[in-house]
Protein backbone atom coordinates (compact mmCIF):
# COMPACT_ATOMS: atom_id res chain seq x y z
CA MET A 1 257.83 146.55 50.08
CA LYS A 2 261.08 146.86 52.11
CA CYS A 3 260.99 150.58 51.69
CA ILE A 4 257.31 150.80 52.95
CA ASN A 5 258.23 148.59 56.22
CA THR A 6 261.21 150.86 56.76
CA LEU A 7 258.94 153.91 56.56
CA THR A 8 256.60 152.12 58.83
CA ILE A 9 259.11 151.71 61.49
CA VAL A 10 260.53 155.19 61.07
CA LEU A 11 256.90 156.80 61.34
CA PHE A 12 256.27 154.46 64.36
CA GLY A 13 259.40 155.72 65.96
CA LEU A 14 258.43 159.09 65.61
CA PHE A 15 255.25 158.27 66.90
CA LEU A 16 256.51 156.83 70.12
CA SER A 17 259.04 159.81 70.24
CA SER A 18 256.23 162.30 70.24
CA GLN A 19 254.15 160.41 72.80
CA PHE A 20 257.00 160.32 75.01
CA ILE A 21 257.57 163.86 74.80
CA THR A 22 253.98 164.52 75.39
CA ALA A 23 254.06 162.29 78.51
CA GLN A 24 257.02 164.46 79.59
CA THR A 25 255.58 168.02 78.95
CA GLY A 26 251.95 167.77 78.78
CA THR A 27 251.35 165.47 81.96
CA LYS A 28 253.54 167.93 84.02
CA LYS A 29 251.01 168.78 86.88
CA HIS A 30 250.03 172.59 87.10
CA ASN A 31 251.34 174.76 90.21
CA ILE A 32 249.12 176.94 92.43
CA LEU A 33 250.04 180.01 94.14
CA PHE A 34 247.12 180.83 96.38
CA ILE A 35 247.46 184.27 97.77
CA SER A 36 245.04 185.21 100.44
CA VAL A 37 244.94 188.89 102.12
CA ASP A 38 242.80 189.80 105.12
CA ASP A 39 240.21 192.52 105.15
CA PHE A 40 241.11 193.86 101.69
CA ARG A 41 238.64 195.97 99.86
CA PRO A 42 239.55 196.94 96.28
CA LYS A 43 240.21 200.82 96.52
CA ILE A 44 243.04 200.49 94.35
CA ASN A 45 244.11 201.60 90.80
CA SER A 46 243.48 198.66 89.02
CA TYR A 47 239.80 198.88 90.24
CA GLY A 48 239.51 202.46 89.05
CA GLU A 49 240.28 204.05 92.53
CA SER A 50 243.49 205.96 93.64
CA ASN A 51 243.25 205.79 97.30
CA MET A 52 246.01 203.36 97.81
CA ILE A 53 249.44 202.70 96.36
CA THR A 54 249.55 199.10 95.17
CA PRO A 55 251.78 198.72 91.86
CA ASN A 56 252.41 195.22 92.39
CA ILE A 57 248.57 194.17 92.61
CA ASP A 58 247.95 196.41 89.54
CA LYS A 59 250.82 194.66 87.69
CA LEU A 60 249.30 191.29 88.62
CA ALA A 61 246.09 192.48 87.18
CA SER A 62 247.68 193.64 83.97
CA GLU A 63 249.12 189.99 83.86
CA GLY A 64 245.93 188.28 84.22
CA LEU A 65 242.09 188.52 84.56
CA GLN A 66 240.61 190.89 87.26
CA PHE A 67 237.27 190.18 88.24
CA ASN A 68 235.47 193.57 88.74
CA ASN A 69 232.32 191.87 90.36
CA ALA A 70 233.75 189.45 92.93
CA PHE A 71 232.04 188.86 96.17
CA THR A 72 232.57 187.11 99.67
CA ASN A 73 229.77 184.61 100.47
CA ILE A 74 230.06 185.72 104.29
CA ALA A 75 231.84 188.50 105.65
CA VAL A 76 233.76 187.22 108.35
CA CYS A 77 237.08 185.44 108.26
CA GLY A 78 236.73 181.96 109.73
CA ALA A 79 233.36 181.23 107.98
CA SER A 80 234.80 182.67 104.60
CA ARG A 81 237.86 180.86 104.86
CA ALA A 82 236.25 177.44 105.64
CA SER A 83 233.60 178.03 102.78
CA ILE A 84 236.44 178.96 99.92
CA MET A 85 238.47 175.72 101.30
CA THR A 86 235.30 173.44 100.94
CA GLY A 87 233.63 174.91 97.95
CA ILE A 88 230.42 174.89 100.32
CA ARG A 89 228.11 177.88 100.91
CA PRO A 90 227.64 179.23 104.39
CA SER A 91 223.98 178.94 105.80
CA GLN A 92 222.23 179.53 109.15
CA ASP A 93 224.08 176.57 110.77
CA ARG A 94 227.28 176.27 108.70
CA PHE A 95 230.09 178.67 108.35
CA ASN A 96 228.40 181.43 110.09
CA ASP A 97 231.10 182.93 112.47
CA TYR A 98 234.68 183.64 112.99
CA THR A 99 235.04 180.55 115.06
CA SER A 100 233.75 178.16 111.93
CA ARG A 101 236.03 175.36 111.12
CA ALA A 102 235.83 173.19 108.01
CA SER A 103 236.72 170.09 109.89
CA VAL A 104 233.86 170.76 112.39
CA ASP A 105 230.91 172.20 110.28
CA THR A 106 231.64 169.82 107.48
CA PRO A 107 233.96 167.10 108.68
CA GLU A 108 233.26 164.73 105.54
CA ALA A 109 233.96 167.60 103.05
CA ILE A 110 237.12 167.18 100.89
CA THR A 111 239.17 170.43 101.51
CA LEU A 112 241.40 171.78 98.81
CA ASN A 113 244.37 170.99 100.56
CA GLN A 114 243.32 167.47 101.03
CA LEU A 115 242.24 167.42 97.41
CA PHE A 116 245.78 168.57 96.15
CA MET A 117 247.71 166.30 98.70
CA GLU A 118 245.85 163.37 97.46
CA ASN A 119 246.53 164.15 93.82
CA GLY A 120 250.19 164.12 94.58
CA TYR A 121 250.94 167.93 95.38
CA GLU A 122 253.16 169.39 97.99
CA THR A 123 250.78 171.49 99.86
CA VAL A 124 252.05 174.39 101.75
CA SER A 125 250.29 176.74 104.00
CA TYR A 126 252.01 179.83 105.36
CA GLY A 127 250.41 182.67 107.04
CA LYS A 128 246.77 182.95 107.58
CA ILE A 129 244.74 180.31 105.37
CA TYR A 130 242.12 178.95 107.67
CA HIS A 131 241.37 180.94 110.77
CA PHE A 132 242.47 178.30 112.90
CA PRO A 133 245.98 177.01 111.45
CA ASP A 134 245.16 173.39 113.02
CA ASP A 135 241.89 173.09 110.78
CA THR A 136 242.52 170.01 108.57
CA LYS A 137 246.31 170.37 109.25
CA GLU A 138 247.02 166.90 108.56
CA TYR A 139 246.56 167.80 104.84
CA TRP A 140 249.27 170.03 104.69
CA SER A 141 252.81 168.92 103.48
CA GLU A 142 254.20 172.02 105.54
CA ASN A 143 252.23 174.45 107.82
CA ASP A 144 253.92 177.22 109.69
CA GLY A 145 251.24 177.53 112.37
CA GLY A 146 249.48 180.57 111.10
CA ALA A 147 249.88 184.33 111.45
CA ASP A 148 250.36 186.51 114.65
CA GLN A 149 247.71 189.29 113.94
CA ALA A 150 249.24 191.82 116.34
CA ASP A 151 253.12 191.42 116.61
CA TYR A 152 253.78 194.80 117.40
CA GLN A 153 257.41 196.16 116.83
CA ASP A 154 257.10 199.45 118.52
CA PRO A 155 258.42 198.96 122.15
CA ILE A 156 255.96 201.66 123.32
CA ALA A 157 253.16 199.54 121.66
CA GLN A 158 254.30 196.31 123.14
CA GLU A 159 254.35 198.03 126.77
CA ARG A 160 250.67 199.60 126.15
CA LYS A 161 249.43 196.04 125.27
CA ARG A 162 251.05 194.47 128.45
CA ASN A 163 249.77 196.99 130.81
CA GLY A 164 246.72 198.05 129.22
CA GLU A 165 243.01 197.65 129.37
CA LYS A 166 241.60 194.02 129.31
CA GLY A 167 238.87 193.63 126.49
CA SER A 168 236.59 190.32 125.80
CA HIS A 169 239.72 188.84 123.64
CA GLY A 170 242.41 189.73 126.43
CA PRO A 171 244.86 192.74 126.42
CA LYS A 172 244.18 195.52 124.33
CA GLY A 173 246.63 196.92 121.88
CA PRO A 174 246.77 200.08 120.06
CA ALA A 175 244.97 199.92 116.53
CA PHE A 176 248.04 201.06 114.50
CA GLU A 177 251.68 201.89 114.75
CA TYR A 178 254.60 202.56 112.26
CA PRO A 179 257.94 201.92 113.63
CA ASP A 180 260.97 202.52 111.64
CA VAL A 181 261.92 198.78 110.82
CA ASP A 182 262.38 196.63 107.67
CA ASP A 183 260.02 194.64 105.65
CA TYR A 184 260.91 191.37 107.21
CA ALA A 185 260.32 192.49 111.12
CA TYR A 186 256.68 191.69 110.89
CA ASN A 187 255.21 188.26 110.42
CA ASP A 188 253.93 189.00 107.04
CA GLY A 189 257.49 189.85 105.96
CA LYS A 190 258.77 186.26 107.62
CA VAL A 191 256.05 184.54 105.77
CA THR A 192 257.17 185.92 102.38
CA LYS A 193 260.78 185.01 103.18
CA ARG A 194 259.70 181.66 104.22
CA ALA A 195 257.69 181.07 101.09
CA LEU A 196 260.38 182.34 98.68
CA GLN A 197 262.99 179.68 100.24
CA LYS A 198 260.16 176.97 100.05
CA MET A 199 259.58 177.69 96.26
CA LYS A 200 263.34 177.15 95.57
CA GLU A 201 263.01 173.71 97.53
CA MET A 202 260.23 172.70 95.61
CA LYS A 203 261.58 173.56 92.09
CA ASP A 204 264.76 171.55 92.91
CA ALA A 205 262.54 168.62 94.15
CA ASP A 206 260.61 169.08 90.75
CA LYS A 207 257.04 168.41 92.52
CA PRO A 208 253.97 170.05 91.85
CA PHE A 209 252.83 172.61 94.59
CA PHE A 210 249.74 173.99 95.96
CA MET A 211 251.23 176.80 97.94
CA ALA A 212 248.81 178.84 100.03
CA VAL A 213 250.22 182.11 101.22
CA GLY A 214 248.12 184.18 103.64
CA TYR A 215 248.71 187.95 104.45
CA VAL A 216 247.15 189.35 107.69
CA SER A 217 247.89 192.87 106.58
CA PRO A 218 245.73 194.92 106.17
CA HIS A 219 243.85 193.31 109.33
CA LEU A 220 243.82 195.35 112.58
CA PRO A 221 245.93 196.40 114.05
CA PHE A 222 247.27 198.47 111.14
CA ILE A 223 250.99 197.78 111.63
CA GLN A 224 253.78 198.28 109.21
CA PRO A 225 257.16 199.92 108.58
CA LYS A 226 257.27 203.61 108.93
CA LYS A 227 258.13 204.03 104.94
CA TYR A 228 254.78 202.75 104.25
CA TRP A 229 252.93 205.19 106.46
CA ASP A 230 255.09 208.06 104.93
CA MET A 231 253.59 207.21 101.49
CA TYR A 232 250.55 209.14 102.52
CA ALA A 233 250.03 212.82 103.60
CA HIS A 234 248.06 212.29 106.87
CA ASP A 235 246.05 215.63 106.55
CA SER A 236 245.07 214.67 102.81
CA VAL A 237 243.45 211.22 103.96
CA GLU A 238 239.54 211.59 102.91
CA LEU A 239 237.16 210.37 105.65
CA ALA A 240 233.73 208.62 104.67
CA ASP A 241 231.31 211.31 103.97
CA ASN A 242 228.30 209.00 104.99
CA THR A 243 229.01 208.11 108.61
CA TYR A 244 225.32 207.96 109.20
CA GLN A 245 222.43 205.13 109.11
CA PRO A 246 221.05 204.66 105.59
CA GLU A 247 217.60 206.37 105.43
CA ASN A 248 214.64 203.90 106.06
CA SER A 249 216.95 201.09 107.12
CA PRO A 250 215.89 198.65 109.83
CA PHE A 251 217.49 198.92 113.30
CA ILE A 252 218.92 195.33 113.09
CA ALA A 253 221.16 196.45 110.09
CA MET A 254 222.85 198.76 112.39
CA HIS A 255 223.03 197.71 115.73
CA ALA A 256 222.10 194.09 116.46
CA GLN A 257 223.93 193.22 113.18
CA HIS A 258 227.05 195.26 113.33
CA ASP A 259 228.54 197.75 116.05
CA SER A 260 232.24 197.90 115.05
CA ALA A 261 232.71 195.32 118.11
CA GLU A 262 235.85 193.90 116.70
CA LEU A 263 237.59 197.41 116.87
CA ARG A 264 235.91 198.42 120.10
CA ASN A 265 236.49 195.31 121.95
CA MET A 266 240.18 194.40 121.03
CA TYR A 267 241.85 198.00 120.51
CA LEU A 268 242.90 201.01 122.77
CA ASP A 269 241.67 204.57 122.45
CA ILE A 270 238.38 203.49 120.72
CA PRO A 271 234.92 204.70 122.36
CA SER A 272 232.87 202.04 123.46
CA GLU A 273 230.10 203.48 121.31
CA GLY A 274 229.19 206.18 119.09
CA LEU A 275 231.37 207.88 116.23
CA LEU A 276 235.11 207.93 116.37
CA SER A 277 236.73 211.48 116.51
CA ASP A 278 237.97 212.65 113.16
CA GLU A 279 241.56 212.21 114.09
CA MET A 280 241.18 208.68 115.23
CA SER A 281 239.29 207.96 111.96
CA ARG A 282 242.08 209.60 109.97
CA ASN A 283 244.55 207.58 111.76
CA LEU A 284 242.71 204.24 110.88
CA VAL A 285 242.12 205.15 107.51
CA HIS A 286 246.14 206.30 106.98
CA GLY A 287 246.89 203.05 108.81
CA TYR A 288 244.89 200.81 106.52
CA TYR A 289 246.30 202.50 103.49
CA ALA A 290 249.83 202.07 104.80
CA SER A 291 249.14 198.35 105.49
CA VAL A 292 247.86 197.67 102.05
CA SER A 293 250.91 199.22 100.52
CA TYR A 294 253.05 197.04 102.66
CA MET A 295 251.22 194.00 101.86
CA ASP A 296 251.39 194.89 98.13
CA VAL A 297 255.31 194.99 98.34
CA LEU A 298 255.44 191.61 99.65
CA ILE A 299 253.29 190.11 97.26
CA GLY A 300 255.39 191.89 94.55
CA ASP A 301 258.59 190.05 96.27
CA LEU A 302 256.61 186.79 96.20
CA ILE A 303 255.54 186.94 92.46
CA GLN A 304 259.17 188.17 91.37
CA GLY A 305 260.48 185.23 93.05
CA LEU A 306 258.26 182.89 91.18
CA ASP A 307 259.46 184.43 88.06
CA ASP A 308 263.00 184.29 88.83
CA LEU A 309 262.73 180.55 89.29
CA GLY A 310 261.10 180.19 86.02
CA LEU A 311 257.98 178.65 87.37
CA ARG A 312 255.44 181.30 86.12
CA ASP A 313 254.69 179.32 83.02
CA ASN A 314 253.32 176.50 84.61
CA THR A 315 251.70 178.26 87.83
CA THR A 316 248.23 179.88 88.28
CA ILE A 317 248.52 182.80 90.75
CA ILE A 318 245.07 183.56 92.36
CA LEU A 319 244.82 186.64 94.62
CA TRP A 320 241.66 186.87 96.85
CA SER A 321 240.52 188.49 100.10
CA ASP A 322 238.07 186.46 102.64
CA HIS A 323 235.84 189.88 102.65
CA GLY A 324 235.96 193.75 102.53
CA PHE A 325 236.16 196.29 105.18
CA PHE A 326 234.38 199.37 106.22
CA LEU A 327 236.40 202.63 106.79
CA GLY A 328 233.75 204.71 108.52
CA GLU A 329 230.86 204.44 106.07
CA HIS A 330 227.69 204.28 108.05
CA GLY A 331 229.80 204.78 111.15
CA PHE A 332 231.23 201.13 110.64
CA TRP A 333 234.60 199.69 110.97
CA CYS A 334 235.56 196.27 110.18
CA LYS A 335 233.22 193.86 108.35
CA HIS A 336 230.44 191.81 109.62
CA SER A 337 227.66 192.76 107.25
CA THR A 338 225.89 192.62 103.88
CA PHE A 339 226.70 195.91 102.91
CA TYR A 340 228.75 196.52 99.78
CA GLU A 341 232.09 197.73 101.66
CA ALA A 342 232.05 194.48 103.65
CA ILE A 343 231.12 192.05 100.72
CA LYS A 344 233.03 193.20 97.61
CA ILE A 345 236.48 191.77 97.03
CA PRO A 346 239.43 192.18 94.84
CA PHE A 347 239.79 189.10 92.87
CA ILE A 348 242.40 188.36 90.29
CA ILE A 349 243.51 185.16 88.42
CA SER A 350 247.06 185.17 86.24
CA SER A 351 247.15 181.68 84.59
CA PRO A 352 249.11 180.44 81.62
CA GLY A 353 247.24 180.29 78.42
CA TYR A 354 244.15 182.37 79.80
CA ALA A 355 243.25 186.03 79.55
CA LYS A 356 246.02 188.63 80.29
CA GLY A 357 245.55 192.18 81.15
CA GLN A 358 241.70 192.14 80.82
CA ILE A 359 238.55 192.93 83.34
CA THR A 360 235.47 190.78 83.43
CA SER A 361 232.02 192.14 84.59
CA SER A 362 230.82 188.45 85.27
CA PHE A 363 229.79 188.08 88.92
CA THR A 364 231.72 185.74 90.86
CA GLU A 365 231.82 184.31 94.49
CA LEU A 366 234.38 182.79 96.62
CA ILE A 367 233.01 179.49 96.20
CA ASP A 368 233.88 179.50 92.51
CA VAL A 369 237.51 178.91 93.40
CA TYR A 370 237.31 175.39 94.40
CA PRO A 371 236.03 174.17 90.97
CA THR A 372 238.18 176.38 89.02
CA LEU A 373 241.45 175.12 90.33
CA CYS A 374 240.18 171.63 89.68
CA GLU A 375 239.70 172.51 86.04
CA LEU A 376 243.04 174.17 85.74
CA THR A 377 244.67 171.14 87.12
CA GLY A 378 242.77 168.55 85.74
CA ILE A 379 241.43 167.20 89.14
CA GLU A 380 237.79 165.66 89.41
CA PRO A 381 236.03 168.03 91.98
CA PRO A 382 233.80 166.37 94.54
CA SER A 383 230.17 166.31 93.11
CA TYR A 384 228.55 168.15 96.07
CA ILE A 385 230.51 171.56 95.89
CA HIS A 386 228.42 174.57 95.01
CA GLY A 387 230.42 177.02 92.71
CA LYS A 388 230.85 177.12 89.01
CA SER A 389 234.58 176.96 87.30
CA LEU A 390 235.58 180.36 85.90
CA THR A 391 237.65 178.89 83.15
CA PRO A 392 234.81 179.97 80.54
CA VAL A 393 235.18 183.48 81.93
CA MET A 394 238.96 183.13 81.70
CA LYS A 395 239.11 182.31 78.11
CA ASP A 396 236.54 185.05 77.18
CA PRO A 397 236.19 187.74 79.53
CA SER A 398 232.83 189.14 78.15
CA PHE A 399 231.27 185.75 79.00
CA GLN A 400 228.70 186.19 81.99
CA LEU A 401 229.03 183.27 83.84
CA LYS A 402 226.58 184.71 86.78
CA ASP A 403 224.76 187.73 86.94
CA GLU A 404 224.10 187.75 90.66
CA ILE A 405 225.59 186.59 93.84
CA TYR A 406 224.40 185.13 97.26
CA THR A 407 226.01 186.40 100.60
CA ARG A 408 225.00 186.60 104.24
CA TYR A 409 226.04 187.42 107.82
CA LYS A 410 224.31 186.36 110.93
CA GLN A 411 220.62 186.89 110.69
CA GLY A 412 221.17 188.76 107.15
CA GLU A 413 220.84 187.18 103.87
CA ALA A 414 221.45 189.10 100.65
CA VAL A 415 221.18 188.76 96.91
CA VAL A 416 223.37 191.24 94.82
CA ASP A 417 223.22 191.70 90.98
CA GLU A 418 224.47 194.96 88.94
CA ASN A 419 221.21 196.89 89.79
CA PHE A 420 220.36 196.14 93.31
CA SER A 421 221.27 194.74 96.74
CA TYR A 422 218.64 193.17 98.70
CA THR A 423 218.87 191.75 102.37
CA GLU A 424 216.48 190.15 104.55
CA PHE A 425 217.01 189.47 108.26
CA TYR A 426 215.77 186.23 109.91
CA GLN A 427 216.12 184.77 113.57
CA GLY A 428 215.55 181.30 112.80
CA GLU A 429 212.02 181.48 111.11
CA LYS A 430 211.38 184.87 112.45
CA TYR A 431 211.33 187.74 109.92
CA LEU A 432 213.07 190.82 111.25
CA GLY A 433 213.06 193.24 108.17
CA ASN A 434 214.85 193.92 104.91
CA MET A 435 216.37 196.56 102.91
CA LEU A 436 216.97 197.41 99.24
CA TYR A 437 219.53 199.50 97.53
CA ASN A 438 219.54 200.80 93.96
CA LEU A 439 223.37 200.24 93.27
CA LYS A 440 223.06 202.27 89.93
CA GLU A 441 221.99 205.35 91.58
CA ASP A 442 222.98 204.85 95.35
CA LEU A 443 226.35 202.69 95.32
CA LYS A 444 227.08 204.13 98.80
CA GLN A 445 223.70 202.83 99.98
CA ASN A 446 222.43 205.63 101.53
CA ILE A 447 218.73 205.17 101.04
CA ASP A 448 216.60 202.06 101.78
CA ILE A 449 214.00 201.94 99.11
CA SER A 450 212.38 198.58 100.27
CA LYS A 451 209.23 200.29 101.68
CA ARG A 452 208.50 202.50 98.51
CA VAL A 453 205.28 201.29 97.22
CA GLU A 454 206.55 201.35 93.71
CA ASN A 455 209.10 198.93 94.75
CA ALA A 456 206.69 196.21 96.21
CA GLU A 457 207.24 194.00 92.97
CA LEU A 458 210.87 194.35 93.05
CA VAL A 459 211.22 193.24 96.76
CA LYS A 460 208.93 190.22 96.16
CA LYS A 461 211.18 189.11 93.14
CA TYR A 462 214.30 189.39 95.29
CA SER A 463 212.68 187.85 98.19
CA GLU A 464 211.47 184.95 96.17
CA LYS A 465 215.22 184.47 95.15
CA LEU A 466 216.44 184.40 98.56
CA LYS A 467 213.93 181.67 99.77
CA VAL A 468 215.17 179.54 97.07
CA MET A 469 218.73 180.17 98.05
CA ARG A 470 217.93 179.86 101.59
CA ASP A 471 216.02 176.44 101.26
CA PHE A 472 219.03 175.15 99.15
CA VAL A 473 221.90 176.24 101.41
CA ASN A 474 220.13 175.02 104.56
CA GLN A 475 220.35 171.45 103.18
CA ASP A 476 223.41 169.11 104.12
CA PRO A 477 225.26 169.15 100.84
CA LEU A 478 227.32 165.91 101.55
CA ASN A 479 223.79 164.11 102.06
CA ASN A 480 221.73 165.66 99.41
CA ASN A 481 223.31 164.44 96.12
């Protein structure tokens, strides 16, 4: 009997010891490194294109799960960022412009930074996360005030902006520059150094973190150190081969909806209308590629810093862009559309215990980020959010969580799946037109097939999908549960 009691005591002691170890290790909160890149379309090696040199992002893809069918819910920065931070879809009246603020459009919503702060996390925002850095700023433990999108380093560019033509957003500056400066001369470099230092401080404090690092590159103007411009042979930079309006497409898709206004209104040497010259187009594409390569090196520094601190095993890295970017296709520059170039984005998640070095064809939208981060960290999400957690796909990349996505911009609303992209245009209740593209046969979207008699049933099918989604998103999510 005495032996039995002794054995019981020993076993109970081992149990308590194991419970203590579990409490020390199993409940350690999971870190999030939330990397945002502005205006980034996936013309990179890991996505099957060799236009741009991005070894660090390609490496991240090899260490995690790359989503090959990832899309923004709206191709404009302010709205897209407010949407991802709240987990709520844009609508006709909510998150529909670059001026959108989460704190204004959905003041009762719990943003990601608020959620993590209220669950004991250090919440850090460096660079461009919200379009307006003071949006819900009370829920950042530290906020560096956002990012300067035109911090020219070339004295000639600085002088041209000071004394140049005025646009609708103030003095215009050059659309590109490449002075011989180091990686940390520009704001994106400074953001990286700041983030690396903060990581060390947070590790020393042994506090879990939600660190959001937002890179402006490759947003206009395309500015970066000369060595990144020199990575590309200027005369070999290819231009878009479809600078024309898609056949049969409606007027609104081309003109009322998009006129490259951001480029024309804010930058020097750009014509007020019509196509750009081949040389200006080549300078812009060259500058875009160089800006992406610059940003890629900084992201490499950031992730290497995380590795060097021994934090990778307890940190999920999520890399996303707020939307894509036109590089002359259909005569467009910038975003502001439902065409593929504007809505498709790079999206990679590297998370301990989940898929590594794999890709998935499962469709995803930026609204899926919110519930995914909640599940990874064991935080209960609000009931009203619109997305779906991506963890089933992260466990099994062959799993198809979604087979279509919904996106919009201004009057245009679109549904996209692996076969078709269908857009309708409305001004309030007034129908303005539609367009349909066969993505299997016409990925560049050069021929609108919505008016073909044989596609009437197809148009009807996608139109009904849009009506269901339109009715859903136009509700107030916080008062319809």
